[in-house]
Amino acid sequence: TVQHAFLHMYRTRRERKRDFRRLWIVRINAASRLLGVPYSRLMGALAKANVELDRKMLATLAVSDPAAFKAVATQVGALAS
């Protein structure tokens, strides 16, 4: 029983990481689509501009401070405005 529980604990720790990454991608995609840019184009522009914000920080910006998220997207050239 204990070994079975350890197996579930091990697997769940890995799944939690996957779930959070998926959640962050959904949040970034939703915020970027409001700006008229798909997720892939935004992430490509961030990589090209050597901006080292991870998905967790981008998702936090997208939810808590949309103006800052828009500023980041504009600065890297993802927006045509």
N, C-alpha and C. Protein backbone atom coordinates (compact mmCIF):
# COMPACT_ATOMS: atom_id res chain seq x y z
N THR A 1 0.83 -1.19 0.00
CA THR A 1 0.00 0.00 0.00
C THR A 1 0.88 1.26 0.00
N VAL A 2 1.92 1.23 0.81
CA VAL A 2 2.81 2.40 0.89
C VAL A 2 3.54 2.59 -0.43
N GLN A 3 4.00 1.50 -1.03
CA GLN A 3 4.70 1.62 -2.31
C GLN A 3 3.75 2.13 -3.40
N HIS A 4 2.51 1.71 -3.33
CA HIS A 4 1.51 2.19 -4.29
C HIS A 4 1.30 3.70 -4.12
N ALA A 5 1.25 4.14 -2.87
CA ALA A 5 1.08 5.57 -2.59
C ALA A 5 2.29 6.36 -3.08
N PHE A 6 3.49 5.81 -2.88
CA PHE A 6 4.69 6.48 -3.36
C PHE A 6 4.68 6.62 -4.87
N LEU A 7 4.18 5.60 -5.55
CA LEU A 7 4.09 5.66 -7.01
C LEU A 7 3.17 6.79 -7.45
N HIS A 8 2.02 6.92 -6.78
CA HIS A 8 1.09 8.00 -7.12
C HIS A 8 1.68 9.37 -6.80
N MET A 9 2.39 9.48 -5.69
CA MET A 9 3.02 10.76 -5.34
C MET A 9 4.04 11.16 -6.39
N TYR A 10 4.84 10.22 -6.82
CA TYR A 10 5.88 10.49 -7.83
C TYR A 10 5.24 10.95 -9.14
N ARG A 11 4.23 10.21 -9.57
CA ARG A 11 3.57 10.54 -10.84
C ARG A 11 2.85 11.89 -10.76
N THR A 12 2.22 12.16 -9.65
CA THR A 12 1.45 13.40 -9.50
C THR A 12 2.35 14.62 -9.48
N ARG A 13 3.55 14.50 -8.91
CA ARG A 13 4.48 15.64 -8.94
C ARG A 13 4.83 16.00 -10.37
N ARG A 14 5.03 15.01 -11.22
CA ARG A 14 5.33 15.28 -12.63
C ARG A 14 4.13 15.86 -13.36
N GLU A 15 2.95 15.32 -13.08
CA GLU A 15 1.73 15.81 -13.73
C GLU A 15 1.43 17.26 -13.34
N ARG A 16 1.72 17.62 -12.09
CA ARG A 16 1.46 18.99 -11.65
C ARG A 16 2.27 19.99 -12.46
N LYS A 17 3.52 19.65 -12.75
CA LYS A 17 4.36 20.53 -13.57
C LYS A 17 3.76 20.69 -14.96
N ARG A 18 3.28 19.58 -15.54
CA ARG A 18 2.66 19.64 -16.86
C ARG A 18 1.39 20.48 -16.83
N ASP A 19 0.58 20.30 -15.78
CA ASP A 19 -0.67 21.04 -15.67
C ASP A 19 -0.43 22.54 -15.56
N PHE A 20 0.56 22.94 -14.78
CA PHE A 20 0.84 24.37 -14.64
C PHE A 20 1.35 24.96 -15.95
N ARG A 21 2.23 24.24 -16.63
CA ARG A 21 2.72 24.74 -17.91
C ARG A 21 1.56 24.92 -18.89
N ARG A 22 0.64 23.96 -18.93
CA ARG A 22 -0.53 24.05 -19.80
C ARG A 22 -1.39 25.25 -19.43
N LEU A 23 -1.59 25.48 -18.13
CA LEU A 23 -2.38 26.62 -17.66
C LEU A 23 -1.73 27.94 -18.07
N TRP A 24 -0.40 28.04 -17.89
CA TRP A 24 0.29 29.27 -18.26
C TRP A 24 0.17 29.53 -19.76
N ILE A 25 0.30 28.52 -20.57
CA ILE A 25 0.19 28.69 -22.02
C ILE A 25 -1.20 29.16 -22.40
N VAL A 26 -2.23 28.60 -21.76
CA VAL A 26 -3.61 29.02 -22.05
C VAL A 26 -3.81 30.49 -21.68
N ARG A 27 -3.29 30.90 -20.53
CA ARG A 27 -3.44 32.29 -20.10
C ARG A 27 -2.70 33.26 -21.02
N ILE A 28 -1.48 32.90 -21.40
CA ILE A 28 -0.71 33.76 -22.30
C ILE A 28 -1.40 33.85 -23.65
N ASN A 29 -1.89 32.73 -24.15
CA ASN A 29 -2.56 32.71 -25.43
C ASN A 29 -3.82 33.57 -25.41
N ALA A 30 -4.59 33.49 -24.34
CA ALA A 30 -5.80 34.29 -24.23
C ALA A 30 -5.47 35.78 -24.23
N ALA A 31 -4.47 36.16 -23.46
CA ALA A 31 -4.10 37.58 -23.39
C ALA A 31 -3.51 38.07 -24.71
N SER A 32 -2.71 37.24 -25.35
CA SER A 32 -2.10 37.67 -26.61
C SER A 32 -3.14 37.74 -27.73
N ARG A 33 -4.12 36.86 -27.71
CA ARG A 33 -5.18 36.92 -28.74
C ARG A 33 -6.03 38.17 -28.57
N LEU A 34 -6.18 38.66 -27.32
CA LEU A 34 -6.89 39.92 -27.12
C LEU A 34 -6.14 41.07 -27.78
N LEU A 35 -4.81 40.93 -27.90
CA LEU A 35 -3.99 41.94 -28.56
C LEU A 35 -3.87 41.69 -30.06
N GLY A 36 -4.44 40.58 -30.52
CA GLY A 36 -4.42 40.27 -31.95
C GLY A 36 -3.21 39.50 -32.41
N VAL A 37 -2.52 38.85 -31.48
CA VAL A 37 -1.31 38.10 -31.80
C VAL A 37 -1.47 36.68 -31.28
N PRO A 38 -1.21 35.68 -32.10
CA PRO A 38 -1.27 34.31 -31.57
C PRO A 38 -0.09 34.01 -30.65
N TYR A 39 -0.26 33.01 -29.83
CA TYR A 39 0.75 32.61 -28.83
C TYR A 39 2.09 32.33 -29.50
N SER A 40 2.07 31.58 -30.58
CA SER A 40 3.33 31.17 -31.20
C SER A 40 4.11 32.36 -31.73
N ARG A 41 3.41 33.35 -32.29
CA ARG A 41 4.10 34.53 -32.80
C ARG A 41 4.69 35.36 -31.65
N LEU A 42 3.95 35.46 -30.55
CA LEU A 42 4.44 36.19 -29.38
C LEU A 42 5.69 35.52 -28.81
N MET A 43 5.64 34.21 -28.63
CA MET A 43 6.78 33.49 -28.07
C MET A 43 7.98 33.54 -29.02
N GLY A 44 7.72 33.51 -30.32
CA GLY A 44 8.81 33.65 -31.29
C GLY A 44 9.46 35.01 -31.21
N ALA A 45 8.65 36.05 -31.06
CA ALA A 45 9.19 37.40 -30.95
C ALA A 45 9.99 37.57 -29.65
N LEU A 46 9.52 36.95 -28.57
CA LEU A 46 10.25 37.02 -27.31
C LEU A 46 11.60 36.33 -27.42
N ALA A 47 11.63 35.18 -28.08
CA ALA A 47 12.88 34.45 -28.25
C ALA A 47 13.85 35.22 -29.14
N LYS A 48 13.32 35.83 -30.19
CA LYS A 48 14.15 36.58 -31.12
C LYS A 48 14.75 37.82 -30.46
N ALA A 49 13.99 38.42 -29.54
CA ALA A 49 14.45 39.62 -28.84
C ALA A 49 15.28 39.29 -27.60
N ASN A 50 15.52 38.01 -27.35
CA ASN A 50 16.29 37.56 -26.18
C ASN A 50 15.69 38.02 -24.86
N VAL A 51 14.38 38.05 -24.79
CA VAL A 51 13.69 38.37 -23.54
C VAL A 51 13.58 37.08 -22.74
N GLU A 52 14.06 37.09 -21.53
CA GLU A 52 14.12 35.88 -20.73
C GLU A 52 13.02 35.83 -19.67
N LEU A 53 11.81 36.18 -20.07
CA LEU A 53 10.67 36.00 -19.17
C LEU A 53 10.12 34.61 -19.41
N ASP A 54 9.94 33.86 -18.33
CA ASP A 54 9.40 32.52 -18.50
C ASP A 54 7.87 32.57 -18.59
N ARG A 55 7.30 31.43 -18.89
CA ARG A 55 5.86 31.36 -19.08
C ARG A 55 5.10 31.72 -17.80
N LYS A 56 5.65 31.35 -16.66
CA LYS A 56 4.99 31.66 -15.40
C LYS A 56 4.87 33.17 -15.20
N MET A 57 5.94 33.90 -15.47
CA MET A 57 5.91 35.36 -15.31
C MET A 57 4.99 36.01 -16.34
N LEU A 58 5.06 35.53 -17.58
CA LEU A 58 4.18 36.09 -18.61
C LEU A 58 2.71 35.86 -18.26
N ALA A 59 2.38 34.67 -17.76
CA ALA A 59 1.00 34.39 -17.37
C ALA A 59 0.56 35.27 -16.21
N THR A 60 1.46 35.51 -15.26
CA THR A 60 1.14 36.38 -14.14
C THR A 60 0.89 37.80 -14.63
N LEU A 61 1.73 38.27 -15.54
CA LEU A 61 1.52 39.60 -16.12
C LEU A 61 0.20 39.67 -16.87
N ALA A 62 -0.09 38.64 -17.63
CA ALA A 62 -1.31 38.64 -18.43
C ALA A 62 -2.56 38.72 -17.55
N VAL A 63 -2.53 38.06 -16.40
CA VAL A 63 -3.70 38.05 -15.52
C VAL A 63 -3.75 39.29 -14.64
N SER A 64 -2.63 39.65 -14.03
CA SER A 64 -2.66 40.71 -13.03
C SER A 64 -2.41 42.10 -13.58
N ASP A 65 -1.66 42.22 -14.67
CA ASP A 65 -1.32 43.53 -15.21
C ASP A 65 -1.31 43.51 -16.74
N PRO A 66 -2.50 43.57 -17.35
CA PRO A 66 -2.57 43.49 -18.81
C PRO A 66 -1.82 44.62 -19.53
N ALA A 67 -1.71 45.78 -18.90
CA ALA A 67 -0.98 46.89 -19.53
C ALA A 67 0.50 46.56 -19.65
N ALA A 68 1.06 45.95 -18.62
CA ALA A 68 2.46 45.55 -18.66
C ALA A 68 2.67 44.44 -19.68
N PHE A 69 1.71 43.52 -19.78
CA PHE A 69 1.80 42.45 -20.77
C PHE A 69 1.80 43.04 -22.18
N LYS A 70 0.93 44.02 -22.40
CA LYS A 70 0.88 44.67 -23.71
C LYS A 70 2.19 45.42 -23.99
N ALA A 71 2.76 46.03 -22.96
CA ALA A 71 4.04 46.73 -23.14
C ALA A 71 5.15 45.77 -23.52
N VAL A 72 5.18 44.61 -22.91
CA VAL A 72 6.18 43.60 -23.26
C VAL A 72 6.00 43.14 -24.69
N ALA A 73 4.75 42.88 -25.07
CA ALA A 73 4.46 42.42 -26.43
C ALA A 73 4.81 43.49 -27.46
N THR A 74 4.56 44.74 -27.12
CA THR A 74 4.89 45.83 -28.03
C THR A 74 6.40 46.01 -28.14
N GLN A 75 7.09 45.90 -27.04
CA GLN A 75 8.52 46.10 -27.02
C GLN A 75 9.27 45.07 -27.87
N VAL A 76 8.81 43.83 -27.86
CA VAL A 76 9.49 42.81 -28.65
C VAL A 76 9.06 42.82 -30.10
N GLY A 77 8.10 43.66 -30.43
CA GLY A 77 7.70 43.79 -31.83
C GLY A 77 6.67 42.80 -32.27
N ALA A 78 5.98 42.15 -31.33
CA ALA A 78 4.94 41.18 -31.69
C ALA A 78 3.69 41.89 -32.20
N LEU A 79 3.46 43.11 -31.70
CA LEU A 79 2.30 43.87 -32.14
C LEU A 79 2.70 44.81 -33.27
N ALA A 80 1.81 45.02 -34.17
CA ALA A 80 2.10 45.89 -35.32
C ALA A 80 1.75 47.35 -35.03
N SER A 81 1.35 47.65 -33.79
CA SER A 81 0.94 49.01 -33.47
C SER A 81 2.17 49.83 -33.25
